[in-house]
C-alpha cells in the first residue's frame, strides 16, 4: 500500500482547519485515513502547526511520501527541531578520551 501524508480539511465554510493524516495514496482528500498525526489552523498561521514527531518520523521511515502542502508547512518545524537537537559531537569526545586511556 502506497501511503502519503497530507492534510484533510475540516472546519466550516471560510473557517478551515486541517488535520495531518496518513492515507492510502488512492483515497480521497477527506476520506478514510490510517492515522492522524497532526493539525494545522491556517487562520492562526504557521505557529499553529502541531505534529507528533515520533509518528511522522516513523511513517517517513516506512516510505510514506509528503504532499506538497505538508512539505512546505513542515520546513519551519523541521528547522526548529534541528536547532533544538543536542549536538552529538560533544557527547562523542568523552568516549574517545576513554578509549585513549584504555590503550
N, C-alpha and C. Protein backbone atom coordinates (compact mmCIF):
# COMPACT_ATOMS: atom_id res chain seq x y z
N UNK A 1 0.85 -1.17 0.00
CA UNK A 1 0.00 0.00 0.00
C UNK A 1 0.90 1.24 0.00
N UNK A 2 0.76 2.09 -0.99
CA UNK A 2 1.50 3.35 -1.06
C UNK A 2 0.80 4.36 -0.17
N UNK A 3 1.55 4.91 0.78
CA UNK A 3 0.94 5.87 1.71
C UNK A 3 1.47 7.27 1.46
N UNK A 4 0.65 8.23 1.83
CA UNK A 4 1.01 9.64 1.67
C UNK A 4 0.56 10.39 2.92
N UNK A 5 1.35 11.37 3.32
CA UNK A 5 1.00 12.22 4.45
C UNK A 5 0.47 13.52 3.87
N UNK A 6 -0.79 13.83 4.16
CA UNK A 6 -1.40 15.03 3.60
C UNK A 6 -2.43 15.61 4.56
N UNK A 7 -2.95 16.78 4.19
CA UNK A 7 -3.94 17.45 5.00
C UNK A 7 -5.35 17.01 4.61
N UNK A 8 -6.19 16.78 5.61
CA UNK A 8 -7.61 16.54 5.40
C UNK A 8 -8.34 17.76 5.94
N UNK A 9 -9.25 18.32 5.16
CA UNK A 9 -9.90 19.57 5.54
C UNK A 9 -11.10 19.32 6.45
N UNK A 10 -11.10 20.05 7.55
CA UNK A 10 -12.22 20.05 8.49
C UNK A 10 -12.62 21.49 8.71
N UNK A 11 -13.54 21.74 9.61
CA UNK A 11 -13.97 23.10 9.87
C UNK A 11 -15.19 23.44 9.04
N UNK A 12 -15.56 24.71 9.06
CA UNK A 12 -16.75 25.14 8.33
C UNK A 12 -16.35 26.00 7.15
N UNK A 13 -17.35 26.47 6.46
CA UNK A 13 -17.13 27.33 5.30
C UNK A 13 -16.39 28.60 5.73
N UNK A 14 -15.32 28.92 5.06
CA UNK A 14 -14.47 30.09 5.31
C UNK A 14 -13.75 30.05 6.65
N UNK A 15 -13.78 28.93 7.35
CA UNK A 15 -13.02 28.74 8.59
C UNK A 15 -12.37 27.36 8.55
N UNK A 16 -11.39 27.20 7.66
CA UNK A 16 -10.80 25.87 7.50
C UNK A 16 -9.93 25.47 8.69
N UNK A 17 -9.82 24.18 8.87
CA UNK A 17 -8.98 23.58 9.87
C UNK A 17 -8.51 22.26 9.26
N UNK A 18 -7.23 21.99 9.32
CA UNK A 18 -6.70 20.80 8.66
C UNK A 18 -6.10 19.84 9.67
N UNK A 19 -6.30 18.56 9.42
CA UNK A 19 -5.63 17.51 10.16
C UNK A 19 -4.58 16.90 9.24
N UNK A 20 -3.41 16.64 9.79
CA UNK A 20 -2.37 15.95 9.03
C UNK A 20 -2.58 14.46 9.23
N UNK A 21 -2.85 13.75 8.15
CA UNK A 21 -3.18 12.34 8.24
C UNK A 21 -2.31 11.51 7.31
N UNK A 22 -2.21 10.24 7.63
CA UNK A 22 -1.55 9.27 6.77
C UNK A 22 -2.65 8.49 6.07
N UNK A 23 -2.62 8.51 4.73
CA UNK A 23 -3.67 7.85 3.95
C UNK A 23 -3.07 7.00 2.85
N UNK A 24 -3.90 6.11 2.34
CA UNK A 24 -3.56 5.42 1.11
C UNK A 24 -3.55 6.47 0.00
N UNK A 25 -2.64 6.33 -0.91
CA UNK A 25 -2.48 7.32 -1.98
C UNK A 25 -3.74 7.49 -2.82
N UNK A 26 -4.52 6.44 -2.96
CA UNK A 26 -5.71 6.49 -3.81
C UNK A 26 -6.95 7.01 -3.10
N UNK A 27 -6.88 7.22 -1.78
CA UNK A 27 -8.04 7.67 -1.01
C UNK A 27 -8.34 9.14 -1.30
N UNK A 28 -9.60 9.54 -1.23
CA UNK A 28 -9.94 10.96 -1.42
C UNK A 28 -9.40 11.80 -0.27
N UNK A 29 -9.31 13.11 -0.48
CA UNK A 29 -8.71 14.02 0.49
C UNK A 29 -9.30 13.88 1.88
N UNK A 30 -10.61 13.86 1.98
CA UNK A 30 -11.27 13.77 3.28
C UNK A 30 -11.76 12.36 3.58
N UNK A 31 -11.22 11.39 2.89
CA UNK A 31 -11.68 10.01 3.05
C UNK A 31 -11.01 9.31 4.22
N UNK A 32 -11.07 7.99 4.15
CA UNK A 32 -10.56 7.14 5.22
C UNK A 32 -9.05 7.32 5.36
N UNK A 33 -8.56 7.36 6.59
CA UNK A 33 -7.14 7.51 6.82
C UNK A 33 -6.63 6.44 7.77
N UNK A 34 -5.31 6.25 7.76
CA UNK A 34 -4.68 5.24 8.60
C UNK A 34 -4.42 5.80 10.00
N UNK A 35 -3.87 7.02 10.06
CA UNK A 35 -3.53 7.61 11.36
C UNK A 35 -3.55 9.13 11.27
N UNK A 36 -3.97 9.75 12.35
CA UNK A 36 -3.97 11.21 12.49
C UNK A 36 -2.69 11.59 13.22
N UNK A 37 -1.80 12.39 12.59
CA UNK A 37 -0.51 12.69 13.22
C UNK A 37 -0.28 14.17 13.50
N UNK A 38 -1.24 15.03 13.17
CA UNK A 38 -1.02 16.44 13.44
C UNK A 38 -2.22 17.28 13.07
N UNK A 39 -2.08 18.60 13.26
CA UNK A 39 -3.16 19.53 12.95
C UNK A 39 -2.56 20.87 12.54
N UNK A 40 -3.33 21.63 11.75
CA UNK A 40 -2.89 22.93 11.28
C UNK A 40 -4.09 23.85 11.13
N UNK A 41 -3.98 25.04 11.70
CA UNK A 41 -5.03 26.04 11.59
C UNK A 41 -4.48 27.21 10.78
N UNK A 42 -4.86 27.35 9.50
CA UNK A 42 -4.29 28.40 8.66
C UNK A 42 -4.69 29.81 9.09
N UNK A 43 -5.76 29.95 9.84
CA UNK A 43 -6.18 31.27 10.30
C UNK A 43 -5.18 31.80 11.34
N UNK A 44 -4.66 30.92 12.17
CA UNK A 44 -3.67 31.32 13.18
C UNK A 44 -2.26 31.38 12.61
N UNK A 45 -2.01 30.75 11.46
CA UNK A 45 -0.69 30.81 10.82
C UNK A 45 0.16 29.58 11.08
N UNK A 46 1.43 29.66 10.67
CA UNK A 46 2.34 28.52 10.77
C UNK A 46 2.64 28.12 12.21
N UNK A 47 2.49 29.02 13.15
CA UNK A 47 2.76 28.69 14.55
C UNK A 47 1.75 27.69 15.11
N UNK A 48 0.62 27.54 14.45
CA UNK A 48 -0.41 26.63 14.94
C UNK A 48 -0.21 25.19 14.48
N UNK A 49 0.85 24.93 13.73
CA UNK A 49 1.11 23.57 13.25
C UNK A 49 1.59 22.70 14.40
N UNK A 50 0.84 21.62 14.66
CA UNK A 50 1.16 20.67 15.73
C UNK A 50 1.38 19.32 15.07
N UNK A 51 2.52 18.69 15.38
CA UNK A 51 2.86 17.42 14.74
C UNK A 51 3.38 16.45 15.80
N UNK A 52 2.96 15.19 15.69
CA UNK A 52 3.52 14.13 16.53
C UNK A 52 4.82 13.70 15.85
N UNK A 53 5.94 14.18 16.39
CA UNK A 53 7.24 13.99 15.73
C UNK A 53 7.61 12.51 15.56
N UNK A 54 7.42 11.73 16.59
CA UNK A 54 7.79 10.32 16.51
C UNK A 54 7.00 9.58 15.44
N UNK A 55 5.70 9.88 15.34
CA UNK A 55 4.87 9.21 14.34
C UNK A 55 5.20 9.69 12.93
N UNK A 56 5.53 10.97 12.78
CA UNK A 56 5.94 11.49 11.48
C UNK A 56 7.22 10.81 11.01
N UNK A 57 8.20 10.72 11.89
CA UNK A 57 9.46 10.06 11.54
C UNK A 57 9.24 8.58 11.22
N UNK A 58 8.35 7.93 11.96
CA UNK A 58 8.06 6.52 11.69
C UNK A 58 7.49 6.35 10.28
N UNK A 59 6.48 7.15 9.93
CA UNK A 59 5.84 6.99 8.63
C UNK A 59 6.78 7.35 7.48
N UNK A 60 7.63 8.34 7.69
CA UNK A 60 8.60 8.68 6.64
C UNK A 60 9.59 7.54 6.48
N UNK A 61 9.99 6.91 7.59
CA UNK A 61 10.93 5.79 7.50
C UNK A 61 10.32 4.57 6.82
N UNK A 62 8.99 4.44 6.88
CA UNK A 62 8.35 3.30 6.21
C UNK A 62 8.07 3.58 4.74
N UNK A 63 8.37 4.80 4.29
CA UNK A 63 8.23 5.10 2.87
C UNK A 63 7.07 6.00 2.51
N UNK A 64 6.39 6.58 3.48
CA UNK A 64 5.29 7.48 3.17
C UNK A 64 5.83 8.76 2.55
N UNK A 65 5.16 9.25 1.52
CA UNK A 65 5.55 10.47 0.84
C UNK A 65 4.79 11.65 1.42
N UNK A 66 5.43 12.82 1.45
CA UNK A 66 4.78 14.04 1.91
C UNK A 66 4.12 14.73 0.73
N UNK A 67 2.92 15.26 0.93
CA UNK A 67 2.30 16.06 -0.11
C UNK A 67 3.02 17.40 -0.17
N UNK A 68 2.81 18.15 -1.25
CA UNK A 68 3.48 19.44 -1.41
C UNK A 68 3.12 20.41 -0.30
N UNK A 69 1.84 20.49 0.05
CA UNK A 69 1.42 21.44 1.08
C UNK A 69 1.97 21.06 2.46
N UNK A 70 2.03 19.78 2.77
CA UNK A 70 2.58 19.34 4.04
C UNK A 70 4.08 19.63 4.08
N UNK A 71 4.77 19.38 2.98
CA UNK A 71 6.21 19.60 2.91
C UNK A 71 6.55 21.07 3.18
N UNK A 72 5.80 22.00 2.58
CA UNK A 72 6.10 23.41 2.79
C UNK A 72 5.81 23.84 4.22
N UNK A 73 4.77 23.31 4.83
CA UNK A 73 4.44 23.67 6.21
C UNK A 73 5.45 23.08 7.19
N UNK A 74 5.99 21.91 6.87
CA UNK A 74 6.91 21.25 7.79
C UNK A 74 8.32 21.84 7.75
N UNK A 75 8.65 22.60 6.74
CA UNK A 75 10.01 23.16 6.67
C UNK A 75 10.34 23.98 7.89
N UNK A 76 9.43 24.82 8.34
CA UNK A 76 9.66 25.64 9.52
C UNK A 76 9.81 24.78 10.77
N UNK A 77 8.97 23.80 10.91
CA UNK A 77 9.01 22.92 12.09
C UNK A 77 10.29 22.10 12.11
N UNK A 78 10.72 21.61 10.97
CA UNK A 78 11.95 20.80 10.90
C UNK A 78 13.17 21.64 11.27
N UNK A 79 13.19 22.92 10.89
CA UNK A 79 14.30 23.80 11.27
C UNK A 79 14.34 23.96 12.78
N UNK A 80 13.18 24.08 13.41
CA UNK A 80 13.13 24.21 14.86
C UNK A 80 13.61 22.93 15.54
N UNK A 81 13.23 21.77 14.99
CA UNK A 81 13.69 20.50 15.54
C UNK A 81 15.19 20.37 15.41
N UNK A 82 15.75 20.79 14.27
CA UNK A 82 17.19 20.67 14.05
C UNK A 82 17.97 21.57 15.00
N UNK A 83 17.46 22.77 15.27
CA UNK A 83 18.16 23.66 16.18
C UNK A 83 18.04 23.20 17.63
N UNK A 84 16.98 22.49 17.96
CA UNK A 84 16.78 22.02 19.34
C UNK A 84 17.46 20.67 19.60
N UNK A 85 17.95 20.01 18.56
CA UNK A 85 18.58 18.70 18.72
C UNK A 85 19.92 18.85 19.45
N UNK A 86 20.23 17.94 20.35
CA UNK A 86 21.52 18.01 21.04
C UNK A 86 22.67 17.71 20.09
N UNK A 87 23.78 18.33 20.34
CA UNK A 87 24.94 18.12 19.48
C UNK A 87 25.63 16.83 19.89
N UNK A 88 25.82 15.93 18.94
CA UNK A 88 26.42 14.63 19.24
C UNK A 88 27.93 14.73 19.32
N UNK A 89 28.54 15.76 18.79
CA UNK A 89 29.99 15.89 18.82
C UNK A 89 30.48 15.99 20.26
N UNK A 90 29.80 16.77 21.08
CA UNK A 90 30.19 16.92 22.48
C UNK A 90 30.05 15.59 23.23
N UNK A 91 29.08 14.80 22.88
CA UNK A 91 28.87 13.52 23.55
C UNK A 91 29.93 12.51 23.14
N UNK A 92 30.47 12.62 21.93
CA UNK A 92 31.46 11.66 21.45
C UNK A 92 32.84 11.90 22.05
N UNK A 93 33.18 13.11 22.47
CA UNK A 93 34.51 13.41 22.97
C UNK A 93 34.88 12.59 24.20
N UNK A 94 34.03 12.47 25.23
CA UNK A 94 34.42 11.66 26.38
C UNK A 94 34.65 10.20 26.01
N UNK A 95 33.91 9.68 25.06
CA UNK A 95 34.10 8.29 24.65
C UNK A 95 35.47 8.11 24.00
N UNK A 96 35.91 9.07 23.21
CA UNK A 96 37.23 8.99 22.58
C UNK A 96 38.33 9.08 23.63
N UNK A 97 38.13 9.94 24.65
CA UNK A 97 39.13 10.07 25.71
C UNK A 97 39.23 8.77 26.50
N UNK A 98 38.10 8.11 26.72
CA UNK A 98 38.10 6.86 27.46
C UNK A 98 38.86 5.78 26.69
N UNK A 99 38.74 5.78 25.37
CA UNK A 99 39.46 4.79 24.56
C UNK A 99 40.96 5.03 24.63
N UNK A 100 41.37 6.28 24.62
CA UNK A 100 42.81 6.57 24.68
C UNK A 100 43.39 6.23 26.05
N UNK A 101 42.62 6.35 27.12
CA UNK A 101 43.10 5.99 28.46
C UNK A 101 43.26 4.48 28.60
N UNK A 102 42.37 3.72 27.93
CA UNK A 102 42.47 2.26 28.00
C UNK A 102 43.69 1.75 27.27
N UNK A 103 44.10 2.40 26.21
CA UNK A 103 45.24 1.95 25.39
C UNK A 103 46.54 2.26 26.02
